[in-house]
Amino acid sequence: MNNPIIWLHGDCLSPEGPAFQAHPEAPAIWVWDDALIDEWQLSLKRMVFIYECLLELPVVIPHIPQIFKQKERKIDSETQNSQTIA
């Protein structure tokens, strides 16, 4: 294969992982799978941990999971309510 791409998964979140070692110049990608997140019942804490690990890697994250979007809407709503009350 002339142009490898590293497809990351939850057991491969280290820059020292074998894929990065074998192909240090290859682009990497991470895909959040909403259906899998629901099926595995990943906690928000676990997802934030994964996200923080990804921030330390040269990786493209093309999709933001629904749970983050829902939490963002809730925070925005709470912020607006607190500003209205103040």
Protein backbone atom coordinates (compact mmCIF):
# COMPACT_ATOMS: atom_id res chain seq x y z
CA MET A 1 0.00 0.00 0.00
CA ASN A 2 1.52 3.31 -1.09
CA ASN A 3 -0.69 5.73 0.85
CA PRO A 4 -1.64 4.23 4.21
CA ILE A 5 -4.22 5.83 6.49
CA ILE A 6 -4.30 5.08 10.20
CA TRP A 7 -7.84 4.39 11.43
CA LEU A 8 -7.75 4.84 15.20
CA HIS A 9 -9.88 2.98 17.72
CA GLY A 10 -10.26 3.00 21.48
CA ASP A 11 -7.37 0.60 22.06
CA CYS A 12 -4.99 2.66 19.93
CA LEU A 13 -4.86 6.15 21.44
CA SER A 14 -1.11 6.53 21.86
CA PRO A 15 1.40 8.15 19.52
CA GLU A 16 3.65 5.25 20.49
CA GLY A 17 1.16 2.73 19.05
CA PRO A 18 2.27 0.28 16.38
CA ALA A 19 0.36 1.99 13.55
CA PHE A 20 2.03 5.36 14.22
CA GLN A 21 5.39 3.66 14.56
CA ALA A 22 4.99 1.76 11.28
CA HIS A 23 3.65 4.76 9.35
CA PRO A 24 4.77 7.98 11.08
CA GLU A 25 3.88 10.20 8.10
CA ALA A 26 0.45 8.65 7.43
CA PRO A 27 -2.67 10.68 8.17
CA ALA A 28 -4.83 9.35 10.99
CA ILE A 29 -8.60 9.42 11.37
CA TRP A 30 -10.98 8.83 14.27
CA VAL A 31 -14.70 8.28 13.75
CA TRP A 32 -17.21 8.73 16.56
CA ASP A 33 -19.93 6.12 16.03
CA ASP A 34 -23.15 7.29 17.71
CA ALA A 35 -24.77 3.85 17.41
CA LEU A 36 -21.77 2.16 19.03
CA ILE A 37 -21.62 4.80 21.77
CA ASP A 38 -25.27 4.01 22.58
CA GLU A 39 -24.77 0.26 22.35
CA TRP A 40 -21.71 0.25 24.59
CA GLN A 41 -23.26 2.90 26.88
CA LEU A 42 -20.07 4.94 27.00
CA SER A 43 -20.16 7.54 29.73
CA LEU A 44 -19.51 11.19 29.00
CA LYS A 45 -16.44 10.91 31.24
CA ARG A 46 -15.02 8.10 29.06
CA MET A 47 -15.77 10.03 25.89
CA VAL A 48 -14.03 13.14 27.22
CA PHE A 49 -11.01 10.98 28.11
CA ILE A 50 -10.92 9.60 24.56
CA TYR A 51 -11.29 13.11 23.12
CA GLU A 52 -8.45 14.44 25.28
CA CYS A 53 -6.23 11.57 24.10
CA LEU A 54 -7.11 12.40 20.49
CA LEU A 55 -6.08 16.03 21.01
CA GLU A 56 -2.53 14.80 21.60
CA LEU A 57 -2.44 12.94 18.28
CA PRO A 58 -2.14 14.09 14.67
CA VAL A 59 -5.66 12.96 13.86
CA VAL A 60 -8.70 14.16 11.90
CA ILE A 61 -12.03 13.94 13.75
CA PRO A 62 -14.74 14.49 11.10
CA HIS A 63 -17.80 13.93 13.31
CA ILE A 64 -18.84 15.12 16.76
CA PRO A 65 -21.02 12.60 18.63
CA GLN A 66 -24.61 13.49 19.41
CA ILE A 67 -24.06 13.31 23.16
CA PHE A 68 -21.56 16.20 22.97
CA LYS A 69 -24.02 18.24 20.92
CA GLN A 70 -26.81 17.52 23.41
CA LYS A 71 -24.61 18.56 26.35
CA GLU A 72 -23.58 21.73 24.47
CA ARG A 73 -27.25 22.66 23.89
CA LYS A 74 -28.02 22.05 27.58
CA ILE A 75 -25.09 24.22 28.69
CA ASP A 76 -26.12 27.00 26.26
CA SER A 77 -29.69 26.83 27.58
CA GLU A 78 -28.54 26.97 31.20
CA THR A 79 -26.24 29.90 30.42
CA GLN A 80 -29.07 31.82 28.76
CA ASN A 81 -31.39 31.10 31.70
CA SER A 82 -28.82 32.27 34.25
CA GLN A 83 -28.22 35.49 32.27
CA THR A 84 -31.97 36.13 32.13
CA ILE A 85 -32.30 35.68 35.90
CA ALA A 86 -29.30 37.85 36.75
